[in-house]
Amino acid sequence: MNRRIAVLLLPLLVAAAAGCTATGTEEPAPPRPRAERPSPFEDCARLTTPATPTAGAGTPSAATDANGHTGDPLPELTLACFTGGAPIALRDVRGPAVINVWASWCPPCRKELPAFQRLSKRAGDRIHVIGVNSQDSRSAAQSIGEDLGIGFPMLVDQGTALQRALNRNAFPLTLLVDAQGRVVHTDASGALDDASLGELVREHLGVAVPA
């Protein structure tokens, strides 16, 4: 009888042993996908609300040229916001505003971005400081924003639509936009510092930003 029971139990013991071995060699569970890092940049919704320059800030000296030209409106383009949400039609942007077109692979762009960040903090609600990340990858732009502490609103132009519309191909490129959404000055002189950026804002937008 005992021999019969042993014969019956033997297959079960072998199966149990095989199961433990199989469990020990199972492939590990795949790692959970890493959550996307939060954007360092602000939301873009407020860009269509006029900024509020300090009363008595003065009239921009270069709002009109010798021929009475008052500047061209921003191009009829709609760009995505880096943080998501509704895309922004550039014609709906209301200034005064400073728009900086940049890319992570452009050394002068990286050099001047902190000056634009400081301008956005010093100017407060008096002007909009806006970035347009162009011809770049999202991960590279995010890394630059994190590394340099850039937080102002960021639009995304994956190609060169804005530069083509402006007939400009320089990097970096800075646009000075008045309260009516007209481009009153374009700067492509290279990396701007705090002093030169503040002077451009004072001269072309009539807004004095404290140092």
N, C-alpha and C. Protein backbone atom coordinates (compact mmCIF):
# COMPACT_ATOMS: atom_id res chain seq x y z
N MET A 1 0.83 -1.20 0.00
CA MET A 1 0.00 0.00 0.00
C MET A 1 0.87 1.26 0.00
N ASN A 2 1.88 1.25 0.91
CA ASN A 2 2.75 2.42 0.97
C ASN A 2 3.49 2.63 -0.35
N ARG A 3 3.87 1.49 -0.98
CA ARG A 3 4.58 1.62 -2.25
C ARG A 3 3.67 2.21 -3.32
N ARG A 4 2.38 1.83 -3.30
CA ARG A 4 1.44 2.37 -4.27
C ARG A 4 1.25 3.88 -4.08
N ILE A 5 1.15 4.31 -2.81
CA ILE A 5 0.98 5.75 -2.52
C ILE A 5 2.19 6.52 -3.00
N ALA A 6 3.39 5.93 -2.77
CA ALA A 6 4.61 6.61 -3.19
C ALA A 6 4.64 6.77 -4.70
N VAL A 7 4.20 5.73 -5.41
CA VAL A 7 4.18 5.82 -6.88
C VAL A 7 3.21 6.90 -7.35
N LEU A 8 2.07 7.05 -6.65
CA LEU A 8 1.10 8.06 -7.04
C LEU A 8 1.59 9.47 -6.74
N LEU A 9 2.32 9.63 -5.64
CA LEU A 9 2.77 10.96 -5.24
C LEU A 9 3.98 11.46 -6.02
N LEU A 10 4.75 10.55 -6.62
CA LEU A 10 5.98 10.92 -7.30
C LEU A 10 5.77 11.95 -8.40
N PRO A 11 4.78 11.78 -9.29
CA PRO A 11 4.57 12.80 -10.35
C PRO A 11 4.24 14.18 -9.78
N LEU A 12 3.48 14.18 -8.65
CA LEU A 12 3.12 15.46 -8.06
C LEU A 12 4.35 16.19 -7.51
N LEU A 13 5.26 15.43 -6.90
CA LEU A 13 6.48 16.02 -6.35
C LEU A 13 7.36 16.57 -7.46
N VAL A 14 7.44 15.82 -8.57
CA VAL A 14 8.24 16.28 -9.71
C VAL A 14 7.67 17.56 -10.29
N ALA A 15 6.35 17.63 -10.41
CA ALA A 15 5.69 18.82 -10.97
C ALA A 15 5.90 20.02 -10.07
N ALA A 16 5.82 19.79 -8.74
CA ALA A 16 6.02 20.89 -7.80
C ALA A 16 7.43 21.44 -7.91
N ALA A 17 8.40 20.52 -8.00
CA ALA A 17 9.78 20.95 -8.12
C ALA A 17 10.01 21.73 -9.41
N ALA A 18 9.40 21.28 -10.49
CA ALA A 18 9.52 21.98 -11.77
C ALA A 18 8.92 23.37 -11.69
N GLY A 19 7.76 23.50 -10.97
CA GLY A 19 7.12 24.80 -10.82
C GLY A 19 7.99 25.78 -10.09
N CYS A 20 8.65 25.39 -9.04
CA CYS A 20 9.54 26.30 -8.30
C CYS A 20 10.69 26.76 -9.17
N THR A 21 11.23 25.81 -9.97
CA THR A 21 12.33 26.18 -10.86
C THR A 21 11.87 27.19 -11.89
N ALA A 22 10.70 27.00 -12.45
CA ALA A 22 10.18 27.91 -13.46
C ALA A 22 9.96 29.31 -12.88
N THR A 23 9.44 29.32 -11.65
CA THR A 23 9.20 30.61 -11.02
C THR A 23 10.50 31.38 -10.83
N GLY A 24 11.56 30.66 -10.52
CA GLY A 24 12.83 31.32 -10.29
C GLY A 24 13.46 31.88 -11.55
N THR A 25 13.05 31.40 -12.73
CA THR A 25 13.66 31.86 -13.97
C THR A 25 12.71 32.72 -14.80
N GLU A 26 11.61 33.15 -14.23
CA GLU A 26 10.68 34.01 -14.96
C GLU A 26 11.33 35.34 -15.31
N GLU A 27 10.95 35.92 -16.46
CA GLU A 27 11.43 37.25 -16.84
C GLU A 27 10.89 38.28 -15.85
N PRO A 28 11.73 39.25 -15.42
CA PRO A 28 11.22 40.27 -14.50
C PRO A 28 10.15 41.13 -15.17
N ALA A 29 9.24 41.63 -14.37
CA ALA A 29 8.17 42.48 -14.90
C ALA A 29 8.77 43.74 -15.50
N PRO A 30 8.25 44.20 -16.65
CA PRO A 30 8.81 45.43 -17.27
C PRO A 30 8.62 46.61 -16.34
N PRO A 31 9.56 47.55 -16.33
CA PRO A 31 9.43 48.72 -15.46
C PRO A 31 8.25 49.58 -15.86
N ARG A 32 7.66 50.21 -14.90
CA ARG A 32 6.56 51.11 -15.20
C ARG A 32 7.09 52.31 -15.97
N PRO A 33 6.32 52.82 -16.93
CA PRO A 33 6.79 53.99 -17.67
C PRO A 33 6.99 55.17 -16.73
N ARG A 34 8.10 55.91 -16.96
CA ARG A 34 8.41 57.06 -16.11
C ARG A 34 7.46 58.21 -16.43
N ALA A 35 6.93 58.80 -15.39
CA ALA A 35 6.01 59.93 -15.58
C ALA A 35 6.74 61.08 -16.26
N GLU A 36 6.05 61.77 -17.17
CA GLU A 36 6.65 62.89 -17.88
C GLU A 36 6.98 64.01 -16.90
N ARG A 37 8.15 64.62 -17.06
CA ARG A 37 8.57 65.68 -16.15
C ARG A 37 7.68 66.90 -16.36
N PRO A 38 7.36 67.60 -15.28
CA PRO A 38 6.55 68.82 -15.45
C PRO A 38 7.33 69.86 -16.23
N SER A 39 6.62 70.64 -17.00
CA SER A 39 7.27 71.67 -17.81
C SER A 39 7.80 72.80 -16.93
N PRO A 40 8.99 73.31 -17.24
CA PRO A 40 9.49 74.47 -16.48
C PRO A 40 8.83 75.77 -16.92
N PHE A 41 8.14 75.74 -18.07
CA PHE A 41 7.59 76.97 -18.65
C PHE A 41 6.16 77.23 -18.17
N GLU A 42 5.78 78.50 -18.21
CA GLU A 42 4.43 78.88 -17.81
C GLU A 42 3.42 78.56 -18.92
N ASP A 43 2.16 78.57 -18.53
CA ASP A 43 1.07 78.42 -19.49
C ASP A 43 1.01 79.65 -20.40
N CYS A 44 0.42 79.48 -21.58
CA CYS A 44 0.40 80.55 -22.58
C CYS A 44 -0.90 81.34 -22.64
N ALA A 45 -1.89 80.96 -21.85
CA ALA A 45 -3.22 81.55 -22.02
C ALA A 45 -3.22 83.07 -21.85
N ARG A 46 -2.39 83.60 -20.96
CA ARG A 46 -2.44 85.04 -20.68
C ARG A 46 -1.85 85.90 -21.79
N LEU A 47 -1.23 85.27 -22.79
CA LEU A 47 -0.55 86.05 -23.83
C LEU A 47 -1.50 86.84 -24.71
N THR A 48 -2.76 86.46 -24.73
CA THR A 48 -3.73 87.18 -25.54
C THR A 48 -4.41 88.30 -24.76
N THR A 49 -3.99 88.50 -23.51
CA THR A 49 -4.49 89.60 -22.69
C THR A 49 -3.46 90.72 -22.71
N PRO A 50 -3.86 91.95 -22.99
CA PRO A 50 -2.87 93.03 -23.06
C PRO A 50 -2.07 93.16 -21.77
N ALA A 51 -0.77 93.43 -21.91
CA ALA A 51 0.04 93.75 -20.75
C ALA A 51 -0.37 95.14 -20.26
N THR A 52 0.10 95.49 -19.07
CA THR A 52 -0.33 96.75 -18.47
C THR A 52 0.88 97.61 -18.12
N PRO A 53 1.43 98.32 -19.12
CA PRO A 53 2.57 99.20 -18.83
C PRO A 53 2.21 100.25 -17.80
N THR A 54 3.20 100.68 -17.05
CA THR A 54 2.99 101.71 -16.04
C THR A 54 2.53 103.00 -16.70
N ALA A 55 1.55 103.63 -16.12
CA ALA A 55 1.05 104.90 -16.67
C ALA A 55 2.20 105.90 -16.78
N GLY A 56 2.24 106.62 -17.89
CA GLY A 56 3.27 107.62 -18.09
C GLY A 56 4.61 107.04 -18.49
N ALA A 57 4.61 105.80 -18.97
CA ALA A 57 5.87 105.16 -19.34
C ALA A 57 6.49 105.83 -20.55
N GLY A 58 5.67 106.51 -21.32
CA GLY A 58 6.23 107.21 -22.48
C GLY A 58 5.80 106.56 -23.78
N THR A 59 6.04 107.25 -24.86
CA THR A 59 5.69 106.77 -26.19
C THR A 59 6.90 106.14 -26.84
N PRO A 60 6.78 104.95 -27.40
CA PRO A 60 7.93 104.33 -28.06
C PRO A 60 8.49 105.24 -29.15
N SER A 61 9.79 105.50 -29.10
CA SER A 61 10.38 106.43 -30.04
C SER A 61 10.45 105.89 -31.45
N ALA A 62 10.43 104.56 -31.59
CA ALA A 62 10.59 103.97 -32.91
C ALA A 62 9.32 103.26 -33.37
N ALA A 63 8.17 103.63 -32.81
CA ALA A 63 6.93 102.97 -33.22
C ALA A 63 6.59 103.29 -34.67
N THR A 64 7.06 104.44 -35.16
CA THR A 64 6.88 104.78 -36.57
C THR A 64 8.24 105.16 -37.14
N ASP A 65 8.45 104.84 -38.43
CA ASP A 65 9.71 105.21 -39.05
C ASP A 65 9.54 106.53 -39.80
N ALA A 66 10.55 106.90 -40.59
CA ALA A 66 10.52 108.19 -41.28
C ALA A 66 9.37 108.30 -42.26
N ASN A 67 8.86 107.14 -42.71
CA ASN A 67 7.76 107.15 -43.67
C ASN A 67 6.40 106.99 -42.99
N GLY A 68 6.40 107.04 -41.66
CA GLY A 68 5.14 106.89 -40.95
C GLY A 68 4.68 105.45 -40.83
N HIS A 69 5.56 104.50 -41.15
CA HIS A 69 5.21 103.09 -41.05
C HIS A 69 5.15 102.67 -39.59
N THR A 70 4.09 102.03 -39.21
CA THR A 70 3.88 101.72 -37.80
C THR A 70 4.18 100.28 -37.44
N GLY A 71 4.82 99.56 -38.29
CA GLY A 71 5.15 98.17 -37.97
C GLY A 71 4.13 97.21 -38.54
N ASP A 72 4.60 96.01 -38.89
CA ASP A 72 3.71 94.99 -39.46
C ASP A 72 3.09 94.15 -38.35
N PRO A 73 1.87 93.69 -38.56
CA PRO A 73 1.27 92.78 -37.57
C PRO A 73 2.04 91.47 -37.53
N LEU A 74 1.93 90.78 -36.42
CA LEU A 74 2.54 89.46 -36.33
C LEU A 74 1.96 88.55 -37.41
N PRO A 75 2.73 87.58 -37.89
CA PRO A 75 2.25 86.70 -38.95
C PRO A 75 0.99 85.93 -38.55
N GLU A 76 0.24 85.54 -39.58
CA GLU A 76 -0.97 84.74 -39.34
C GLU A 76 -0.56 83.28 -39.14
N LEU A 77 -0.02 82.99 -37.99
CA LEU A 77 0.41 81.64 -37.63
C LEU A 77 -0.21 81.25 -36.30
N THR A 78 -0.45 79.97 -36.14
CA THR A 78 -0.91 79.43 -34.86
C THR A 78 0.12 78.43 -34.38
N LEU A 79 0.64 78.64 -33.17
CA LEU A 79 1.69 77.79 -32.63
C LEU A 79 1.21 77.11 -31.36
N ALA A 80 1.69 75.89 -31.16
CA ALA A 80 1.35 75.14 -29.95
C ALA A 80 2.07 75.74 -28.75
N CYS A 81 1.46 75.59 -27.59
CA CYS A 81 2.10 75.99 -26.34
C CYS A 81 2.84 74.77 -25.78
N PHE A 82 4.04 74.99 -25.26
CA PHE A 82 4.84 73.89 -24.74
C PHE A 82 4.11 73.12 -23.66
N THR A 83 3.29 73.80 -22.87
CA THR A 83 2.60 73.14 -21.76
C THR A 83 1.30 72.47 -22.19
N GLY A 84 0.94 72.57 -23.46
CA GLY A 84 -0.32 72.00 -23.93
C GLY A 84 -1.43 73.04 -23.89
N GLY A 85 -2.65 72.57 -23.90
CA GLY A 85 -3.78 73.50 -23.93
C GLY A 85 -4.02 74.04 -25.33
N ALA A 86 -4.83 75.08 -25.40
CA ALA A 86 -5.19 75.65 -26.69
C ALA A 86 -3.98 76.29 -27.36
N PRO A 87 -3.79 76.06 -28.66
CA PRO A 87 -2.70 76.75 -29.38
C PRO A 87 -2.97 78.24 -29.43
N ILE A 88 -1.91 78.99 -29.70
CA ILE A 88 -1.99 80.46 -29.68
C ILE A 88 -1.83 81.00 -31.09
N ALA A 89 -2.81 81.78 -31.53
CA ALA A 89 -2.69 82.51 -32.80
C ALA A 89 -1.87 83.76 -32.54
N LEU A 90 -0.77 83.92 -33.27
CA LEU A 90 0.11 85.06 -33.03
C LEU A 90 -0.62 86.38 -33.21
N ARG A 91 -1.59 86.44 -34.10
CA ARG A 91 -2.33 87.68 -34.31
C ARG A 91 -3.16 88.05 -33.07
N ASP A 92 -3.37 87.08 -32.17
CA ASP A 92 -4.13 87.36 -30.94
C ASP A 92 -3.24 87.81 -29.79
N VAL A 93 -1.93 87.73 -29.97
CA VAL A 93 -1.01 88.17 -28.91
C VAL A 93 -1.09 89.68 -28.77
N ARG A 94 -1.21 90.13 -27.54
CA ARG A 94 -1.30 91.57 -27.29
C ARG A 94 -0.12 91.99 -26.41
N GLY A 95 0.56 93.00 -26.85
CA GLY A 95 1.73 93.47 -26.14
C GLY A 95 1.40 94.55 -25.13
N PRO A 96 2.41 95.28 -24.75
CA PRO A 96 3.78 95.17 -25.23
C PRO A 96 4.36 93.81 -24.95
N ALA A 97 5.17 93.31 -25.88
CA ALA A 97 5.72 91.97 -25.75
C ALA A 97 7.11 91.90 -26.37
N VAL A 98 7.90 91.02 -25.82
CA VAL A 98 9.21 90.68 -26.37
C VAL A 98 9.17 89.19 -26.70
N ILE A 99 9.39 88.86 -27.97
CA ILE A 99 9.34 87.47 -28.42
C ILE A 99 10.74 87.04 -28.81
N ASN A 100 11.23 85.99 -28.17
CA ASN A 100 12.58 85.49 -28.43
C ASN A 100 12.50 84.14 -29.12
N VAL A 101 13.05 84.05 -30.34
CA VAL A 101 13.08 82.80 -31.10
C VAL A 101 14.44 82.15 -30.86
N TRP A 102 14.42 80.90 -30.40
CA TRP A 102 15.67 80.27 -29.97
C TRP A 102 15.62 78.76 -30.21
N ALA A 103 16.79 78.14 -30.08
CA ALA A 103 16.92 76.69 -30.16
C ALA A 103 18.02 76.25 -29.20
N SER A 104 17.92 75.05 -28.68
CA SER A 104 18.89 74.58 -27.68
C SER A 104 20.28 74.40 -28.27
N TRP A 105 20.37 74.15 -29.59
CA TRP A 105 21.67 73.90 -30.22
C TRP A 105 22.38 75.19 -30.63
N CYS A 106 21.78 76.34 -30.32
CA CYS A 106 22.33 77.65 -30.70
C CYS A 106 23.03 78.27 -29.48
N PRO A 107 24.38 78.33 -29.46
CA PRO A 107 25.09 78.88 -28.29
C PRO A 107 24.68 80.30 -27.90
N PRO A 108 24.53 81.26 -28.85
CA PRO A 108 24.08 82.60 -28.42
C PRO A 108 22.69 82.58 -27.79
N CYS A 109 21.84 81.66 -28.26
CA CYS A 109 20.50 81.55 -27.66
C CYS A 109 20.60 81.16 -26.19
N ARG A 110 21.41 80.15 -25.93
CA ARG A 110 21.57 79.69 -24.55
C ARG A 110 22.19 80.79 -23.68
N LYS A 111 23.08 81.57 -24.27
CA LYS A 111 23.75 82.63 -23.52
C LYS A 111 22.78 83.73 -23.10
N GLU A 112 21.84 84.08 -23.98
CA GLU A 112 20.97 85.22 -23.70
C GLU A 112 19.67 84.85 -22.98
N LEU A 113 19.30 83.59 -22.97
CA LEU A 113 18.03 83.21 -22.35
C LEU A 113 17.90 83.69 -20.90
N PRO A 114 18.95 83.58 -20.06
CA PRO A 114 18.79 84.08 -18.68
C PRO A 114 18.45 85.57 -18.61
N ALA A 115 18.93 86.37 -19.56
CA ALA A 115 18.60 87.79 -19.57
C ALA A 115 17.10 87.99 -19.83
N PHE A 116 16.52 87.17 -20.69
CA PHE A 116 15.08 87.25 -20.94
C PHE A 116 14.29 86.80 -19.71
N GLN A 117 14.80 85.81 -19.01
CA GLN A 117 14.14 85.38 -17.78
C GLN A 117 14.16 86.49 -16.73
N ARG A 118 15.31 87.15 -16.59
CA ARG A 118 15.38 88.26 -15.63
C ARG A 118 14.47 89.41 -16.05
N LEU A 119 14.39 89.67 -17.37
CA LEU A 119 13.48 90.70 -17.85
C LEU A 119 12.04 90.38 -17.49
N SER A 120 11.65 89.12 -17.66
CA SER A 120 10.27 88.74 -17.35
C SER A 120 9.96 88.95 -15.87
N LYS A 121 10.94 88.74 -15.00
CA LYS A 121 10.72 88.94 -13.58
C LYS A 121 10.67 90.42 -13.23
N ARG A 122 11.59 91.21 -13.80
CA ARG A 122 11.65 92.63 -13.48
C ARG A 122 10.45 93.39 -14.06
N ALA A 123 10.01 92.98 -15.23
CA ALA A 123 8.92 93.72 -15.90
C ALA A 123 7.56 93.37 -15.32
N GLY A 124 7.42 92.19 -14.74
CA GLY A 124 6.12 91.80 -14.18
C GLY A 124 5.03 91.77 -15.24
N ASP A 125 3.93 92.48 -14.97
CA ASP A 125 2.79 92.49 -15.90
C ASP A 125 2.90 93.58 -16.96
N ARG A 126 3.99 94.33 -16.97
CA ARG A 126 4.08 95.46 -17.90
C ARG A 126 4.38 95.04 -19.33
N ILE A 127 5.06 93.93 -19.50
CA ILE A 127 5.28 93.38 -20.84
C ILE A 127 5.18 91.86 -20.75
N HIS A 128 4.85 91.25 -21.87
CA HIS A 128 4.90 89.80 -21.99
C HIS A 128 6.26 89.41 -22.55
N VAL A 129 6.93 88.51 -21.89
CA VAL A 129 8.14 87.91 -22.43
C VAL A 129 7.76 86.51 -22.89
N ILE A 130 7.97 86.24 -24.18
CA ILE A 130 7.49 85.01 -24.82
C ILE A 130 8.65 84.33 -25.53
N GLY A 131 8.78 83.05 -25.38
CA GLY A 131 9.76 82.29 -26.13
C GLY A 131 9.09 81.52 -27.26
N VAL A 132 9.82 81.36 -28.35
CA VAL A 132 9.39 80.48 -29.44
C VAL A 132 10.55 79.51 -29.68
N ASN A 133 10.37 78.27 -29.26
CA ASN A 133 11.40 77.25 -29.46
C ASN A 133 11.24 76.69 -30.87
N SER A 134 12.30 76.82 -31.68
CA SER A 134 12.22 76.52 -33.11
C SER A 134 13.23 75.45 -33.50
N GLN A 135 12.83 74.56 -34.40
CA GLN A 135 13.72 73.53 -34.97
C GLN A 135 14.45 72.76 -33.87
N ASP A 136 13.71 72.29 -32.89
CA ASP A 136 14.31 71.69 -31.71
C ASP A 136 13.48 70.49 -31.27
N SER A 137 14.03 69.70 -30.37
CA SER A 137 13.29 68.59 -29.78
C SER A 137 12.71 69.03 -28.45
N ARG A 138 11.61 68.43 -28.08
CA ARG A 138 10.98 68.79 -26.80
C ARG A 138 11.90 68.51 -25.63
N SER A 139 12.59 67.37 -25.66
CA SER A 139 13.45 67.01 -24.54
C SER A 139 14.60 68.00 -24.39
N ALA A 140 15.18 68.44 -25.51
CA ALA A 140 16.29 69.40 -25.44
C ALA A 140 15.81 70.74 -24.90
N ALA A 141 14.66 71.21 -25.37
CA ALA A 141 14.13 72.48 -24.88
C ALA A 141 13.79 72.39 -23.40
N GLN A 142 13.21 71.27 -23.00
CA GLN A 142 12.88 71.09 -21.58
C GLN A 142 14.14 71.13 -20.72
N SER A 143 15.19 70.45 -21.17
CA SER A 143 16.44 70.42 -20.40
C SER A 143 17.04 71.81 -20.25
N ILE A 144 17.02 72.61 -21.33
CA ILE A 144 17.54 73.97 -21.25
C ILE A 144 16.71 74.79 -20.27
N GLY A 145 15.39 74.65 -20.34
CA GLY A 145 14.54 75.38 -19.40
C GLY A 145 14.83 75.03 -17.96
N GLU A 146 15.04 73.75 -17.70
CA GLU A 146 15.35 73.31 -16.35
C GLU A 146 16.73 73.77 -15.90
N ASP A 147 17.71 73.61 -16.77
CA ASP A 147 19.10 73.93 -16.41
C ASP A 147 19.30 75.42 -16.17
N LEU A 148 18.64 76.26 -16.97
CA LEU A 148 18.84 77.71 -16.88
C LEU A 148 17.77 78.41 -16.05
N GLY A 149 16.78 77.66 -15.58
CA GLY A 149 15.72 78.27 -14.78
C GLY A 149 14.83 79.19 -15.58
N ILE A 150 14.51 78.78 -16.81
CA ILE A 150 13.66 79.60 -17.69
C ILE A 150 12.20 79.22 -17.46
N GLY A 151 11.36 80.22 -17.16
CA GLY A 151 9.98 79.91 -16.82
C GLY A 151 8.92 80.67 -17.59
N PHE A 152 9.31 81.63 -18.45
CA PHE A 152 8.29 82.40 -19.15
C PHE A 152 7.57 81.52 -20.19
N PRO A 153 6.40 81.92 -20.66
CA PRO A 153 5.62 81.08 -21.58
C PRO A 153 6.40 80.74 -22.85
N MET A 154 6.21 79.52 -23.33
CA MET A 154 6.99 79.03 -24.47
C MET A 154 6.06 78.46 -25.54
N LEU A 155 6.16 79.02 -26.75
CA LEU A 155 5.48 78.48 -27.91
C LEU A 155 6.45 77.57 -28.66
N VAL A 156 5.92 76.73 -29.53
CA VAL A 156 6.74 75.74 -30.23
C VAL A 156 6.52 75.87 -31.73
N ASP A 157 7.62 76.09 -32.46
CA ASP A 157 7.62 76.10 -33.92
C ASP A 157 8.57 75.00 -34.37
N GLN A 158 8.04 73.81 -34.65
CA GLN A 158 8.91 72.67 -34.93
C GLN A 158 9.69 72.84 -36.22
N GLY A 159 9.17 73.63 -37.12
CA GLY A 159 9.90 73.89 -38.35
C GLY A 159 10.47 75.29 -38.34
N THR A 160 10.27 76.01 -39.44
CA THR A 160 10.76 77.39 -39.53
C THR A 160 9.64 78.32 -39.99
N ALA A 161 8.41 77.99 -39.62
CA ALA A 161 7.26 78.75 -40.12
C ALA A 161 7.35 80.22 -39.75
N LEU A 162 7.69 80.53 -38.50
CA LEU A 162 7.73 81.92 -38.08
C LEU A 162 8.86 82.66 -38.79
N GLN A 163 10.03 82.06 -38.87
CA GLN A 163 11.15 82.74 -39.53
C GLN A 163 10.88 82.95 -41.02
N ARG A 164 10.24 81.98 -41.65
CA ARG A 164 9.89 82.16 -43.07
C ARG A 164 8.91 83.30 -43.24
N ALA A 165 7.92 83.37 -42.34
CA ALA A 165 6.92 84.44 -42.43
C ALA A 165 7.55 85.81 -42.22
N LEU A 166 8.60 85.87 -41.42
CA LEU A 166 9.29 87.13 -41.15
C LEU A 166 10.41 87.40 -42.15
N ASN A 167 10.69 86.41 -43.00
CA ASN A 167 11.80 86.49 -43.95
C ASN A 167 13.13 86.68 -43.22
N ARG A 168 13.27 85.93 -42.12
CA ARG A 168 14.48 85.96 -41.31
C ARG A 168 14.91 84.53 -41.02
N ASN A 169 16.22 84.29 -41.07
CA ASN A 169 16.70 82.94 -40.75
C ASN A 169 17.77 82.95 -39.67
N ALA A 170 17.88 84.05 -38.94
CA ALA A 170 18.92 84.18 -37.92
C ALA A 170 18.48 83.54 -36.60
N PHE A 171 19.46 83.06 -35.85
CA PHE A 171 19.29 82.63 -34.47
C PHE A 171 20.35 83.33 -33.63
N PRO A 172 19.99 83.86 -32.48
CA PRO A 172 18.63 84.08 -31.99
C PRO A 172 17.98 85.26 -32.69
N LEU A 173 16.67 85.36 -32.55
CA LEU A 173 15.90 86.42 -33.18
C LEU A 173 14.93 86.97 -32.14
N THR A 174 14.90 88.30 -32.00
CA THR A 174 14.04 88.91 -30.99
C THR A 174 13.12 89.93 -31.64
N LEU A 175 11.84 89.82 -31.33
CA LEU A 175 10.82 90.73 -31.87
C LEU A 175 10.28 91.61 -30.75
N LEU A 176 10.18 92.91 -31.01
CA LEU A 176 9.54 93.85 -30.10
C LEU A 176 8.14 94.14 -30.65
N VAL A 177 7.11 93.85 -29.87
CA VAL A 177 5.72 93.93 -30.34
C VAL A 177 4.97 94.94 -29.49
N ASP A 178 4.27 95.86 -30.15
CA ASP A 178 3.55 96.90 -29.40
C ASP A 178 2.19 96.39 -28.93
N ALA A 179 1.44 97.27 -28.29
CA ALA A 179 0.16 96.88 -27.69
C ALA A 179 -0.87 96.42 -28.71
N GLN A 180 -0.71 96.82 -29.97
CA GLN A 180 -1.63 96.42 -31.02
C GLN A 180 -1.17 95.16 -31.76
N GLY A 181 -0.11 94.54 -31.29
CA GLY A 181 0.37 93.33 -31.92
C GLY A 181 1.20 93.56 -33.15
N ARG A 182 1.81 94.76 -33.27
CA ARG A 182 2.64 95.08 -34.43
C ARG A 182 4.11 94.91 -34.07
N VAL A 183 4.87 94.35 -34.99
CA VAL A 183 6.30 94.19 -34.80
C VAL A 183 6.98 95.51 -35.12
N VAL A 184 7.43 96.22 -34.08
CA VAL A 184 8.01 97.54 -34.28
C VAL A 184 9.53 97.49 -34.37
N HIS A 185 10.12 96.36 -34.02
CA HIS A 185 11.58 96.23 -34.15
C HIS A 185 11.94 94.75 -34.14
N THR A 186 12.95 94.39 -34.94
CA THR A 186 13.48 93.03 -34.97
C THR A 186 14.98 93.10 -34.75
N ASP A 187 15.47 92.28 -33.82
CA ASP A 187 16.89 92.29 -33.50
C ASP A 187 17.49 90.92 -33.79
N ALA A 188 18.57 90.91 -34.56
CA ALA A 188 19.30 89.68 -34.85
C ALA A 188 20.79 89.93 -34.70
N SER A 189 21.15 90.74 -33.69
CA SER A 189 22.53 91.17 -33.51
C SER A 189 23.38 90.17 -32.74
N GLY A 190 22.77 89.11 -32.24
CA GLY A 190 23.51 88.15 -31.43
C GLY A 190 22.95 88.11 -30.02
N ALA A 191 23.72 87.52 -29.11
CA ALA A 191 23.26 87.37 -27.73
C ALA A 191 23.09 88.73 -27.06
N LEU A 192 21.89 88.97 -26.53
CA LEU A 192 21.60 90.21 -25.82
C LEU A 192 21.88 90.03 -24.33
N ASP A 193 22.37 91.10 -23.69
CA ASP A 193 22.53 91.06 -22.25
C ASP A 193 21.46 91.93 -21.60
N ASP A 194 21.50 92.05 -20.29
CA ASP A 194 20.45 92.79 -19.57
C ASP A 194 20.37 94.24 -20.03
N ALA A 195 21.52 94.88 -20.20
CA ALA A 195 21.52 96.30 -20.56
C ALA A 195 20.96 96.52 -21.95
N SER A 196 21.43 95.75 -22.93
CA SER A 196 20.96 95.96 -24.31
C SER A 196 19.49 95.58 -24.46
N LEU A 197 19.06 94.56 -23.76
CA LEU A 197 17.65 94.16 -23.82
C LEU A 197 16.77 95.22 -23.18
N GLY A 198 17.20 95.75 -22.03
CA GLY A 198 16.43 96.81 -21.39
C GLY A 198 16.34 98.06 -22.24
N GLU A 199 17.42 98.38 -22.95
CA GLU A 199 17.42 99.56 -23.83
C GLU A 199 16.47 99.36 -25.01
N LEU A 200 16.44 98.17 -25.58
CA LEU A 200 15.51 97.90 -26.68
C LEU A 200 14.06 98.04 -26.23
N VAL A 201 13.77 97.54 -25.05
CA VAL A 201 12.40 97.63 -24.52
C VAL A 201 12.02 99.08 -24.26
N ARG A 202 12.94 99.86 -23.71
CA ARG A 202 12.65 101.26 -23.44
C ARG A 202 12.45 102.04 -24.74
N GLU A 203 13.36 101.82 -25.70
CA GLU A 203 13.33 102.59 -26.95
C GLU A 203 12.14 102.24 -27.83
N HIS A 204 11.86 100.96 -27.97
CA HIS A 204 10.86 100.55 -28.96
C HIS A 204 9.47 100.26 -28.38
N LEU A 205 9.39 100.03 -27.07
CA LEU A 205 8.10 99.76 -26.45
C LEU A 205 7.71 100.84 -25.44
N GLY A 206 8.63 101.76 -25.13
CA GLY A 206 8.32 102.83 -24.21
C GLY A 206 8.14 102.37 -22.78
N VAL A 207 8.73 101.23 -22.42
CA VAL A 207 8.60 100.69 -21.07
C VAL A 207 9.97 100.69 -20.42
N ALA A 208 10.10 101.40 -19.30
CA ALA A 208 11.36 101.43 -18.56
C ALA A 208 11.33 100.31 -17.53
N VAL A 209 12.26 99.38 -17.65
CA VAL A 209 12.33 98.22 -16.75
C VAL A 209 13.46 98.46 -15.75
N PRO A 210 13.19 98.37 -14.45
CA PRO A 210 14.25 98.59 -13.47
C PRO A 210 15.37 97.57 -13.61
N ALA A 211 16.59 98.01 -13.37
CA ALA A 211 17.75 97.12 -13.47
C ALA A 211 17.75 96.10 -12.35
